């Protein structure tokens, strides 16, 4: 199994752990932005992009994780890092499920 397959399997495990939660919908597939995204009431809160877990968190939390070397601000190929989106470093020791749950809580609070 390649590293990319490992990441994809890890993300599928994450999806399986969260899709039973009311309001959470699984990735739609297909092509285009958001095809791999988990959504809460239609709003993306976690996705797999270019082999990295990307989660939406409060801006201060994203800055804190970036400063700790856990990842970087996500850039959707527009040249502007997004302040509320963390692209987790593939080598980070941060467990994915707690980060995704934190992103889900943030999405719930915003709705």
PDB file of N, CA and C in Angstrom:
ATOM      1  N   UNK A   1       0.856  -1.184   0.000  1.00  0.00           N
ATOM      2  CA  UNK A   1       0.000   0.000   0.000  1.00  0.00           C
ATOM      3  C   UNK A   1       0.897   1.241   0.000  1.00  0.00           C
ATOM      4  N   UNK A   2       0.621   2.192  -0.884  1.00  0.00           N
ATOM      5  CA  UNK A   2       1.418   3.412  -0.967  1.00  0.00           C
ATOM      6  C   UNK A   2       1.044   4.380   0.142  1.00  0.00           C
ATOM      7  N   UNK A   3       1.887   5.386   0.332  1.00  0.00           N
ATOM      8  CA  UNK A   3       1.601   6.415   1.346  1.00  0.00           C
ATOM      9  C   UNK A   3       0.286   7.109   1.021  1.00  0.00           C
ATOM     10  N   UNK A   4       0.025   7.345  -0.261  1.00  0.00           N
ATOM     11  CA  UNK A   4      -1.225   7.995  -0.665  1.00  0.00           C
ATOM     12  C   UNK A   4      -2.425   7.107  -0.322  1.00  0.00           C
ATOM     13  N   UNK A   5      -2.292   5.810  -0.532  1.00  0.00           N
ATOM     14  CA  UNK A   5      -3.365   4.881  -0.174  1.00  0.00           C
ATOM     15  C   UNK A   5      -3.592   4.870   1.335  1.00  0.00           C
ATOM     16  N   UNK A   6      -2.491   4.942   2.102  1.00  0.00           N
ATOM     17  CA  UNK A   6      -2.601   4.992   3.559  1.00  0.00           C
ATOM     18  C   UNK A   6      -3.387   6.216   4.004  1.00  0.00           C
ATOM     19  N   UNK A   7      -3.079   7.371   3.397  1.00  0.00           N
ATOM     20  CA  UNK A   7      -3.764   8.618   3.747  1.00  0.00           C
ATOM     21  C   UNK A   7      -5.244   8.513   3.382  1.00  0.00           C
ATOM     22  N   UNK A   8      -5.527   7.986   2.215  1.00  0.00           N
ATOM     23  CA  UNK A   8      -6.916   7.847   1.773  1.00  0.00           C
ATOM     24  C   UNK A   8      -7.687   6.917   2.713  1.00  0.00           C
ATOM     25  N   UNK A   9      -7.054   5.805   3.118  1.00  0.00           N
ATOM     26  CA  UNK A   9      -7.709   4.867   4.037  1.00  0.00           C
ATOM     27  C   UNK A   9      -7.932   5.523   5.397  1.00  0.00           C
ATOM     28  N   UNK A  10      -6.976   6.310   5.844  1.00  0.00           N
ATOM     29  CA  UNK A  10      -7.114   7.011   7.124  1.00  0.00           C
ATOM     30  C   UNK A  10      -8.280   8.002   7.056  1.00  0.00           C
ATOM     31  N   UNK A  11      -8.408   8.676   5.918  1.00  0.00           N
ATOM     32  CA  UNK A  11      -9.514   9.626   5.755  1.00  0.00           C
ATOM     33  C   UNK A  11     -10.855   8.887   5.691  1.00  0.00           C
ATOM     34  N   UNK A  12     -10.889   7.758   5.019  1.00  0.00           N
ATOM     35  CA  UNK A  12     -12.127   6.969   4.954  1.00  0.00           C
ATOM     36  C   UNK A  12     -12.546   6.512   6.349  1.00  0.00           C
ATOM     37  N   UNK A  13     -11.583   6.157   7.189  1.00  0.00           N
ATOM     38  CA  UNK A  13     -11.890   5.796   8.579  1.00  0.00           C
ATOM     39  C   UNK A  13     -12.485   6.993   9.324  1.00  0.00           C
ATOM     40  N   UNK A  14     -11.944   8.165   9.065  1.00  0.00           N
ATOM     41  CA  UNK A  14     -12.454   9.387   9.681  1.00  0.00           C
ATOM     42  C   UNK A  14     -13.901   9.637   9.240  1.00  0.00           C
ATOM     43  N   UNK A  15     -14.150   9.513   7.951  1.00  0.00           N
ATOM     44  CA  UNK A  15     -15.503   9.689   7.414  1.00  0.00           C
ATOM     45  C   UNK A  15     -16.450   8.702   8.083  1.00  0.00           C
ATOM     46  N   UNK A  16     -16.047   7.430   8.158  1.00  0.00           N
ATOM     47  CA  UNK A  16     -16.891   6.403   8.775  1.00  0.00           C
ATOM     48  C   UNK A  16     -17.220   6.738  10.226  1.00  0.00           C
ATOM     49  N   UNK A  17     -16.271   7.349  10.934  1.00  0.00           N
ATOM     50  CA  UNK A  17     -16.481   7.689  12.345  1.00  0.00           C
ATOM     51  C   UNK A  17     -17.451   8.851  12.528  1.00  0.00           C
ATOM     52  N   UNK A  18     -17.623   9.690  11.508  1.00  0.00           N
ATOM     53  CA  UNK A  18     -18.418  10.908  11.668  1.00  0.00           C
ATOM     54  C   UNK A  18     -19.764  10.910  10.948  1.00  0.00           C
ATOM     55  N   UNK A  19     -19.955  10.056   9.951  1.00  0.00           N
ATOM     56  CA  UNK A  19     -21.186  10.170   9.157  1.00  0.00           C
ATOM     57  C   UNK A  19     -22.456   9.762   9.883  1.00  0.00           C
ATOM     58  N   UNK A  20     -22.348   9.107  11.012  1.00  0.00           N
ATOM     59  CA  UNK A  20     -23.550   8.766  11.765  1.00  0.00           C
ATOM     60  C   UNK A  20     -24.074   9.919  12.616  1.00  0.00           C
ATOM     61  N   UNK A  21     -23.329  11.004  12.688  1.00  0.00           N
ATOM     62  CA  UNK A  21     -23.715  12.157  13.500  1.00  0.00           C
ATOM     63  C   UNK A  21     -24.775  12.962  12.754  1.00  0.00           C
ATOM     64  N   UNK A  22     -25.887  13.311  13.410  1.00  0.00           N
ATOM     65  CA  UNK A  22     -26.938  14.082  12.734  1.00  0.00           C
ATOM     66  C   UNK A  22     -26.393  15.365  12.092  1.00  0.00           C
ATOM     67  N   UNK A  23     -26.770  15.576  10.830  1.00  0.00           N
ATOM     68  CA  UNK A  23     -26.362  16.773  10.104  1.00  0.00           C
ATOM     69  C   UNK A  23     -25.089  16.604   9.306  1.00  0.00           C
ATOM     70  N   UNK A  24     -24.341  15.521   9.556  1.00  0.00           N
ATOM     71  CA  UNK A  24     -23.079  15.290   8.850  1.00  0.00           C
ATOM     72  C   UNK A  24     -23.341  14.441   7.613  1.00  0.00           C
ATOM     73  N   UNK A  25     -22.831  14.907   6.474  1.00  0.00           N
ATOM     74  CA  UNK A  25     -22.986  14.162   5.224  1.00  0.00           C
ATOM     75  C   UNK A  25     -21.611  13.799   4.677  1.00  0.00           C
ATOM     76  N   UNK A  26     -21.526  12.631   4.031  1.00  0.00           N
ATOM     77  CA  UNK A  26     -20.248  12.147   3.513  1.00  0.00           C
ATOM     78  C   UNK A  26     -19.835  12.873   2.232  1.00  0.00           C
ATOM     79  N   UNK A  27     -18.601  12.655   1.813  1.00  0.00           N
ATOM     80  CA  UNK A  27     -18.139  13.242   0.550  1.00  0.00           C
ATOM     81  C   UNK A  27     -19.051  12.836  -0.606  1.00  0.00           C
ATOM     82  N   UNK A  28     -19.203  13.746  -1.530  1.00  0.00           N
ATOM     83  CA  UNK A  28     -20.074  13.517  -2.694  1.00  0.00           C
ATOM     84  C   UNK A  28     -19.355  12.812  -3.822  1.00  0.00           C
ATOM     85  N   UNK A  29     -18.020  12.902  -3.829  1.00  0.00           N
ATOM     86  CA  UNK A  29     -17.255  12.336  -4.928  1.00  0.00           C
ATOM     87  C   UNK A  29     -17.334  13.239  -6.138  1.00  0.00           C
ATOM     88  N   UNK A  30     -17.044  12.691  -7.291  1.00  0.00           N
ATOM     89  CA  UNK A  30     -17.057  13.478  -8.513  1.00  0.00           C
ATOM     90  C   UNK A  30     -15.794  14.301  -8.647  1.00  0.00           C
ATOM     91  N   UNK A  31     -15.928  15.467  -9.300  1.00  0.00           N
ATOM     92  CA  UNK A  31     -14.768  16.323  -9.498  1.00  0.00           C
ATOM     93  C   UNK A  31     -15.077  17.716  -8.960  1.00  0.00           C
ATOM     94  N   UNK A  32     -14.038  18.501  -8.824  1.00  0.00           N
ATOM     95  CA  UNK A  32     -14.203  19.873  -8.359  1.00  0.00           C
ATOM     96  C   UNK A  32     -13.951  20.023  -6.867  1.00  0.00           C
ATOM     97  N   UNK A  33     -13.943  21.276  -6.443  1.00  0.00           N
ATOM     98  CA  UNK A  33     -13.656  21.594  -5.050  1.00  0.00           C
ATOM     99  C   UNK A  33     -14.710  20.969  -4.134  1.00  0.00           C
ATOM    100  N   UNK A  34     -14.253  20.410  -3.052  1.00  0.00           N
ATOM    101  CA  UNK A  34     -15.167  19.847  -2.067  1.00  0.00           C
ATOM    102  C   UNK A  34     -15.603  18.421  -2.315  1.00  0.00           C
ATOM    103  N   UNK A  35     -15.071  17.793  -3.346  1.00  0.00           N
ATOM    104  CA  UNK A  35     -15.521  16.427  -3.675  1.00  0.00           C
ATOM    105  C   UNK A  35     -15.207  15.428  -2.572  1.00  0.00           C
ATOM    106  N   UNK A  36     -14.181  15.728  -1.749  1.00  0.00           N
ATOM    107  CA  UNK A  36     -13.801  14.799  -0.679  1.00  0.00           C
ATOM    108  C   UNK A  36     -14.253  15.296   0.690  1.00  0.00           C
ATOM    109  N   UNK A  37     -15.131  16.285   0.694  1.00  0.00           N
ATOM    110  CA  UNK A  37     -15.421  16.974   1.954  1.00  0.00           C
ATOM    111  C   UNK A  37     -16.529  16.346   2.793  1.00  0.00           C
ATOM    112  N   UNK A  38     -16.324  16.431   4.091  1.00  0.00           N
ATOM    113  CA  UNK A  38     -17.371  16.144   5.067  1.00  0.00           C
ATOM    114  C   UNK A  38     -18.090  17.463   5.311  1.00  0.00           C
ATOM    115  N   UNK A  39     -19.403  17.406   5.385  1.00  0.00           N
ATOM    116  CA  UNK A  39     -20.191  18.627   5.573  1.00  0.00           C
ATOM    117  C   UNK A  39     -21.115  18.493   6.772  1.00  0.00           C
ATOM    118  N   UNK A  40     -21.351  19.631   7.409  1.00  0.00           N
ATOM    119  CA  UNK A  40     -22.357  19.713   8.462  1.00  0.00           C
ATOM    120  C   UNK A  40     -23.402  20.697   7.977  1.00  0.00           C
ATOM    121  N   UNK A  41     -24.615  20.212   7.808  1.00  0.00           N
ATOM    122  CA  UNK A  41     -25.714  21.021   7.272  1.00  0.00           C
ATOM    123  C   UNK A  41     -25.276  21.788   6.026  1.00  0.00           C
ATOM    124  N   UNK A  42     -24.581  21.078   5.142  1.00  0.00           N
ATOM    125  CA  UNK A  42     -24.167  21.634   3.854  1.00  0.00           C
ATOM    126  C   UNK A  42     -22.867  22.416   3.871  1.00  0.00           C
ATOM    127  N   UNK A  43     -22.304  22.696   5.035  1.00  0.00           N
ATOM    128  CA  UNK A  43     -21.066  23.481   5.143  1.00  0.00           C
ATOM    129  C   UNK A  43     -19.874  22.550   5.342  1.00  0.00           C
ATOM    130  N   UNK A  44     -18.838  22.737   4.547  1.00  0.00           N
ATOM    131  CA  UNK A  44     -17.644  21.911   4.651  1.00  0.00           C
ATOM    132  C   UNK A  44     -16.932  22.198   5.970  1.00  0.00           C
ATOM    133  N   UNK A  45     -16.542  21.119   6.673  1.00  0.00           N
ATOM    134  CA  UNK A  45     -15.742  21.299   7.888  1.00  0.00           C
ATOM    135  C   UNK A  45     -14.453  20.482   7.859  1.00  0.00           C
ATOM    136  N   UNK A  46     -14.369  19.476   7.012  1.00  0.00           N
ATOM    137  CA  UNK A  46     -13.146  18.688   6.871  1.00  0.00           C
ATOM    138  C   UNK A  46     -13.098  18.107   5.464  1.00  0.00           C
ATOM    139  N   UNK A  47     -11.869  18.002   4.923  1.00  0.00           N
ATOM    140  CA  UNK A  47     -11.720  17.436   3.583  1.00  0.00           C
ATOM    141  C   UNK A  47     -10.292  16.940   3.400  1.00  0.00           C
ATOM    142  N   UNK A  48     -10.115  16.127   2.411  1.00  0.00           N
ATOM    143  CA  UNK A  48      -8.793  15.633   2.050  1.00  0.00           C
ATOM    144  C   UNK A  48      -8.398  16.332   0.762  1.00  0.00           C
ATOM    145  N   UNK A  49      -7.299  17.093   0.820  1.00  0.00           N
ATOM    146  CA  UNK A  49      -6.853  17.857  -0.342  1.00  0.00           C
ATOM    147  C   UNK A  49      -5.356  17.623  -0.539  1.00  0.00           C
ATOM    148  N   UNK A  50      -5.002  17.143  -1.728  1.00  0.00           N
ATOM    149  CA  UNK A  50      -3.598  16.888  -2.061  1.00  0.00           C
ATOM    150  C   UNK A  50      -2.896  16.051  -0.977  1.00  0.00           C
ATOM    151  N   UNK A  51      -3.597  15.045  -0.483  1.00  0.00           N
ATOM    152  CA  UNK A  51      -3.023  14.129   0.488  1.00  0.00           C
ATOM    153  C   UNK A  51      -2.895  14.668   1.903  1.00  0.00           C
ATOM    154  N   UNK A  52      -3.586  15.770   2.184  1.00  0.00           N
ATOM    155  CA  UNK A  52      -3.522  16.377   3.521  1.00  0.00           C
ATOM    156  C   UNK A  52      -4.926  16.566   4.072  1.00  0.00           C
ATOM    157  N   UNK A  53      -5.062  16.326   5.382  1.00  0.00           N
ATOM    158  CA  UNK A  53      -6.324  16.623   6.046  1.00  0.00           C
ATOM    159  C   UNK A  53      -6.429  18.138   6.176  1.00  0.00           C
ATOM    160  N   UNK A  54      -7.575  18.686   5.775  1.00  0.00           N
ATOM    161  CA  UNK A  54      -7.838  20.121   5.873  1.00  0.00           C
ATOM    162  C   UNK A  54      -9.101  20.285   6.714  1.00  0.00           C
ATOM    163  N   UNK A  55      -9.019  21.110   7.763  1.00  0.00           N
ATOM    164  CA  UNK A  55     -10.158  21.322   8.662  1.00  0.00           C
ATOM    165  C   UNK A  55     -10.394  22.808   8.876  1.00  0.00           C
ATOM    166  N   UNK A  56     -11.664  23.149   9.095  1.00  0.00           N
ATOM    167  CA  UNK A  56     -12.030  24.535   9.394  1.00  0.00           C
ATOM    168  C   UNK A  56     -12.150  24.692  10.909  1.00  0.00           C
ATOM    169  N   UNK A  57     -11.334  25.596  11.437  1.00  0.00           N
ATOM    170  CA  UNK A  57     -11.270  25.857  12.875  1.00  0.00           C
ATOM    171  C   UNK A  57     -11.237  27.367  13.101  1.00  0.00           C
ATOM    172  N   UNK A  58     -11.467  27.808  14.337  1.00  0.00           N
ATOM    173  CA  UNK A  58     -11.331  29.239  14.601  1.00  0.00           C
ATOM    174  C   UNK A  58      -9.924  29.722  14.209  1.00  0.00           C
ATOM    175  N   UNK A  59      -9.842  30.944  13.708  1.00  0.00           N
ATOM    176  CA  UNK A  59      -8.577  31.487  13.209  1.00  0.00           C
ATOM    177  C   UNK A  59      -7.456  31.400  14.240  1.00  0.00           C
ATOM    178  N   UNK A  60      -7.760  31.681  15.492  1.00  0.00           N
ATOM    179  CA  UNK A  60      -6.743  31.622  16.538  1.00  0.00           C
ATOM    180  C   UNK A  60      -6.201  30.220  16.728  1.00  0.00           C
ATOM    181  N   UNK A  61      -7.068  29.245  16.628  1.00  0.00           N
ATOM    182  CA  UNK A  61      -6.653  27.841  16.774  1.00  0.00           C
ATOM    183  C   UNK A  61      -5.779  27.430  15.595  1.00  0.00           C
ATOM    184  N   UNK A  62      -6.132  27.866  14.394  1.00  0.00           N
ATOM    185  CA  UNK A  62      -5.318  27.558  13.214  1.00  0.00           C
ATOM    186  C   UNK A  62      -3.930  28.178  13.375  1.00  0.00           C
ATOM    187  N   UNK A  63      -3.877  29.431  13.801  1.00  0.00           N
ATOM    188  CA  UNK A  63      -2.589  30.104  14.008  1.00  0.00           C
ATOM    189  C   UNK A  63      -1.754  29.364  15.050  1.00  0.00           C
ATOM    190  N   UNK A  64      -2.402  28.917  16.123  1.00  0.00           N
ATOM    191  CA  UNK A  64      -1.716  28.174  17.186  1.00  0.00           C
ATOM    192  C   UNK A  64      -1.109  26.876  16.647  1.00  0.00           C
ATOM    193  N   UNK A  65      -1.877  26.133  15.869  1.00  0.00           N
ATOM    194  CA  UNK A  65      -1.383  24.877  15.305  1.00  0.00           C
ATOM    195  C   UNK A  65      -0.272  25.117  14.285  1.00  0.00           C
ATOM    196  N   UNK A  66      -0.392  26.188  13.510  1.00  0.00           N
ATOM    197  CA  UNK A  66       0.662  26.530  12.545  1.00  0.00           C
ATOM    198  C   UNK A  66       1.946  26.904  13.281  1.00  0.00           C
ATOM    199  N   UNK A  67       1.824  27.713  14.326  1.00  0.00           N
ATOM    200  CA  UNK A  67       2.991  28.132  15.109  1.00  0.00           C
ATOM    201  C   UNK A  67       3.676  26.937  15.769  1.00  0.00           C
ATOM    202  N   UNK A  68       2.897  25.908  16.100  1.00  0.00           N
ATOM    203  CA  UNK A  68       3.448  24.702  16.721  1.00  0.00           C
ATOM    204  C   UNK A  68       4.055  23.750  15.685  1.00  0.00           C
ATOM    205  N   UNK A  69       3.981  24.130  14.397  1.00  0.00           N
ATOM    206  CA  UNK A  69       4.556  23.307  13.343  1.00  0.00           C
ATOM    207  C   UNK A  69       3.699  22.138  12.917  1.00  0.00           C
ATOM    208  N   UNK A  70       2.403  22.182  13.258  1.00  0.00           N
ATOM    209  CA  UNK A  70       1.501  21.067  12.932  1.00  0.00           C
ATOM    210  C   UNK A  70       0.944  21.143  11.518  1.00  0.00           C
ATOM    211  N   UNK A  71       1.063  22.289  10.883  1.00  0.00           N
ATOM    212  CA  UNK A  71       0.530  22.443   9.539  1.00  0.00           C
ATOM    213  C   UNK A  71       0.666  23.874   9.090  1.00  0.00           C
ATOM    214  N   UNK A  72      -0.145  24.244   8.098  1.00  0.00           N
ATOM    215  CA  UNK A  72      -0.113  25.603   7.568  1.00  0.00           C
ATOM    216  C   UNK A  72      -1.524  26.028   7.194  1.00  0.00           C
ATOM    217  N   UNK A  73      -1.684  27.327   7.014  1.00  0.00           N
ATOM    218  CA  UNK A  73      -2.972  27.831   6.553  1.00  0.00           C
ATOM    219  C   UNK A  73      -3.232  27.245   5.166  1.00  0.00           C
ATOM    220  N   UNK A  74      -4.442  26.744   4.964  1.00  0.00           N
ATOM    221  CA  UNK A  74      -4.813  26.159   3.677  1.00  0.00           C
ATOM    222  C   UNK A  74      -4.961  27.252   2.632  1.00  0.00           C
ATOM    223  N   UNK A  75      -4.475  26.963   1.440  1.00  0.00           N
ATOM    224  CA  UNK A  75      -4.591  27.859   0.299  1.00  0.00           C
ATOM    225  C   UNK A  75      -5.270  27.055  -0.810  1.00  0.00           C
ATOM    226  N   UNK A  76      -6.431  27.496  -1.238  1.00  0.00           N
ATOM    227  CA  UNK A  76      -7.202  26.774  -2.262  1.00  0.00           C
ATOM    228  C   UNK A  76      -6.694  27.113  -3.664  1.00  0.00           C
ATOM    229  N   UNK A  77      -5.378  27.236  -3.812  1.00  0.00           N
ATOM    230  CA  UNK A  77      -4.735  27.566  -5.096  1.00  0.00           C
ATOM    231  C   UNK A  77      -5.143  28.932  -5.620  1.00  0.00           C
ATOM    232  N   UNK A  78      -5.452  29.856  -4.704  1.00  0.00           N
ATOM    233  CA  UNK A  78      -5.805  31.213  -5.112  1.00  0.00           C
ATOM    234  C   UNK A  78      -4.741  32.210  -4.670  1.00  0.00           C
ATOM    235  N   UNK A  79      -3.675  31.692  -4.018  1.00  0.00           N
ATOM    236  CA  UNK A  79      -2.588  32.551  -3.588  1.00  0.00           C
ATOM    237  C   UNK A  79      -2.815  33.241  -2.255  1.00  0.00           C
ATOM    238  N   UNK A  80      -3.944  32.959  -1.612  1.00  0.00           N
ATOM    239  CA  UNK A  80      -4.248  33.592  -0.334  1.00  0.00           C
ATOM    240  C   UNK A  80      -4.530  32.521   0.709  1.00  0.00           C
ATOM    241  N   UNK A  81      -3.661  32.416   1.724  1.00  0.00           N
ATOM    242  CA  UNK A  81      -3.940  31.463   2.790  1.00  0.00           C
ATOM    243  C   UNK A  81      -5.239  31.830   3.509  1.00  0.00           C
ATOM    244  N   UNK A  82      -6.027  30.834   3.819  1.00  0.00           N
ATOM    245  CA  UNK A  82      -7.325  31.059   4.455  1.00  0.00           C
ATOM    246  C   UNK A  82      -7.148  30.955   5.976  1.00  0.00           C
ATOM    247  N   UNK A  83      -7.531  31.984   6.703  1.00  0.00           N
ATOM    248  CA  UNK A  83      -7.207  32.076   8.130  1.00  0.00           C
ATOM    249  C   UNK A  83      -7.935  31.057   8.999  1.00  0.00           C
ATOM    250  N   UNK A  84      -9.078  30.560   8.556  1.00  0.00           N
ATOM    251  CA  UNK A  84      -9.830  29.585   9.357  1.00  0.00           C
ATOM    252  C   UNK A  84      -9.664  28.150   8.861  1.00  0.00           C
ATOM    253  N   UNK A  85      -8.730  27.922   7.985  1.00  0.00           N
ATOM    254  CA  UNK A  85      -8.545  26.578   7.441  1.00  0.00           C
ATOM    255  C   UNK A  85      -7.118  26.108   7.668  1.00  0.00           C
ATOM    256  N   UNK A  86      -6.979  24.934   8.290  1.00  0.00           N
ATOM    257  CA  UNK A  86      -5.681  24.328   8.561  1.00  0.00           C
ATOM    258  C   UNK A  86      -5.453  23.165   7.607  1.00  0.00           C
ATOM    259  N   UNK A  87      -4.293  23.172   6.963  1.00  0.00           N
ATOM    260  CA  UNK A  87      -3.843  22.036   6.180  1.00  0.00           C
ATOM    261  C   UNK A  87      -2.807  21.324   7.044  1.00  0.00           C
ATOM    262  N   UNK A  88      -3.196  20.189   7.590  1.00  0.00           N
ATOM    263  CA  UNK A  88      -2.368  19.468   8.548  1.00  0.00           C
ATOM    264  C   UNK A  88      -1.152  18.856   7.857  1.00  0.00           C
ATOM    265  N   UNK A  89       0.000  19.033   8.465  1.00  0.00           N
ATOM    266  CA  UNK A  89       1.225  18.441   7.947  1.00  0.00           C
ATOM    267  C   UNK A  89       1.082  16.922   7.963  1.00  0.00           C
ATOM    268  N   UNK A  90       1.411  16.235   6.863  1.00  0.00           N
ATOM    269  CA  UNK A  90       1.269  14.774   6.837  1.00  0.00           C
ATOM    270  C   UNK A  90       2.090  14.072   7.915  1.00  0.00           C
ATOM    271  N   UNK A  91       3.165  14.696   8.369  1.00  0.00           N
ATOM    272  CA  UNK A  91       4.006  14.096   9.406  1.00  0.00           C
ATOM    273  C   UNK A  91       3.586  14.498  10.822  1.00  0.00           C
ATOM    274  N   UNK A  92       2.525  15.286  10.935  1.00  0.00           N
ATOM    275  CA  UNK A  92       2.061  15.725  12.249  1.00  0.00           C
ATOM    276  C   UNK A  92       1.596  14.541  13.084  1.00  0.00           C
ATOM    277  N   UNK A  93       1.845  14.631  14.370  1.00  0.00           N
ATOM    278  CA  UNK A  93       1.386  13.592  15.301  1.00  0.00           C
ATOM    279  C   UNK A  93      -0.042  13.859  15.779  1.00  0.00           C
ATOM    280  N   UNK A  94      -0.640  14.969  15.354  1.00  0.00           N
ATOM    281  CA  UNK A  94      -2.001  15.305  15.762  1.00  0.00           C
ATOM    282  C   UNK A  94      -2.956  14.211  15.275  1.00  0.00           C
ATOM    283  N   UNK A  95      -3.754  13.635  16.174  1.00  0.00           N
ATOM    284  CA  UNK A  95      -4.741  12.644  15.727  1.00  0.00           C
ATOM    285  C   UNK A  95      -5.855  13.335  14.929  1.00  0.00           C
ATOM    286  N   UNK A  96      -6.263  12.688  13.867  1.00  0.00           N
ATOM    287  CA  UNK A  96      -7.238  13.290  12.957  1.00  0.00           C
ATOM    288  C   UNK A  96      -8.630  13.418  13.542  1.00  0.00           C
ATOM    289  N   UNK A  97      -9.125  12.382  14.213  1.00  0.00           N
ATOM    290  CA  UNK A  97     -10.504  12.401  14.670  1.00  0.00           C
ATOM    291  C   UNK A  97     -10.786  13.551  15.645  1.00  0.00           C
ATOM    292  N   UNK A  98      -9.950  13.788  16.652  1.00  0.00           N
ATOM    293  CA  UNK A  98     -10.225  14.937  17.535  1.00  0.00           C
ATOM    294  C   UNK A  98     -10.213  16.281  16.793  1.00  0.00           C
ATOM    295  N   UNK A  99      -9.315  16.434  15.826  1.00  0.00           N
ATOM    296  CA  UNK A  99      -9.296  17.685  15.045  1.00  0.00           C
ATOM    297  C   UNK A  99     -10.572  17.820  14.215  1.00  0.00           C
ATOM    298  N   UNK A 100     -11.006  16.734  13.609  1.00  0.00           N
ATOM    299  CA  UNK A 100     -12.234  16.771  12.812  1.00  0.00           C
ATOM    300  C   UNK A 100     -13.447  17.043  13.701  1.00  0.00           C
ATOM    301  N   UNK A 101     -13.474  16.479  14.899  1.00  0.00           N
ATOM    302  CA  UNK A 101     -14.575  16.754  15.839  1.00  0.00           C
ATOM    303  C   UNK A 101     -14.557  18.227  16.272  1.00  0.00           C
ATOM    304  N   UNK A 102     -13.362  18.764  16.460  1.00  0.00           N
ATOM    305  CA  UNK A 102     -13.227  20.183  16.800  1.00  0.00           C
ATOM    306  C   UNK A 102     -13.767  21.048  15.644  1.00  0.00           C
ATOM    307  N   UNK A 103     -13.467  20.652  14.419  1.00  0.00           N
ATOM    308  CA  UNK A 103     -13.979  21.366  13.243  1.00  0.00           C
ATOM    309  C   UNK A 103     -15.505  21.239  13.167  1.00  0.00           C
ATOM    310  N   UNK A 104     -16.030  20.064  13.475  1.00  0.00           N
ATOM    311  CA  UNK A 104     -17.475  19.859  13.476  1.00  0.00           C
ATOM    312  C   UNK A 104     -18.134  20.752  14.544  1.00  0.00           C
ATOM    313  N   UNK A 105     -17.544  20.814  15.713  1.00  0.00           N
ATOM    314  CA  UNK A 105     -18.072  21.701  16.769  1.00  0.00           C
ATOM    315  C   UNK A 105     -18.076  23.150  16.318  1.00  0.00           C
ATOM    316  N   UNK A 106     -17.023  23.557  15.615  1.00  0.00           N
ATOM    317  CA  UNK A 106     -16.936  24.926  15.091  1.00  0.00           C
ATOM    318  C   UNK A 106     -18.037  25.164  14.052  1.00  0.00           C
ATOM    319  N   UNK A 107     -18.284  24.180  13.206  1.00  0.00           N
ATOM    320  CA  UNK A 107     -19.349  24.293  12.198  1.00  0.00           C
ATOM    321  C   UNK A 107     -20.726  24.370  12.887  1.00  0.00           C
ATOM    322  N   UNK A 108     -20.915  23.584  13.916  1.00  0.00           N
ATOM    323  CA  UNK A 108     -22.197  23.616  14.655  1.00  0.00           C
ATOM    324  C   UNK A 108     -22.417  24.994  15.272  1.00  0.00           C
ATOM    325  N   UNK A 109     -21.370  25.554  15.852  1.00  0.00           N
ATOM    326  CA  UNK A 109     -21.491  26.853  16.516  1.00  0.00           C
ATOM    327  C   UNK A 109     -21.806  27.966  15.524  1.00  0.00           C
ATOM    328  N   UNK A 110     -21.390  27.786  14.296  1.00  0.00           N
ATOM    329  CA  UNK A 110     -21.613  28.813  13.271  1.00  0.00           C
ATOM    330  C   UNK A 110     -23.005  28.738  12.661  1.00  0.00           C
ATOM    331  N   UNK A 111     -23.725  27.624  12.899  1.00  0.00           N
ATOM    332  CA  UNK A 111     -25.047  27.503  12.257  1.00  0.00           C
ATOM    333  C   UNK A 111     -26.178  27.885  13.182  1.00  0.00           C
TER     334      UNK A 111
END
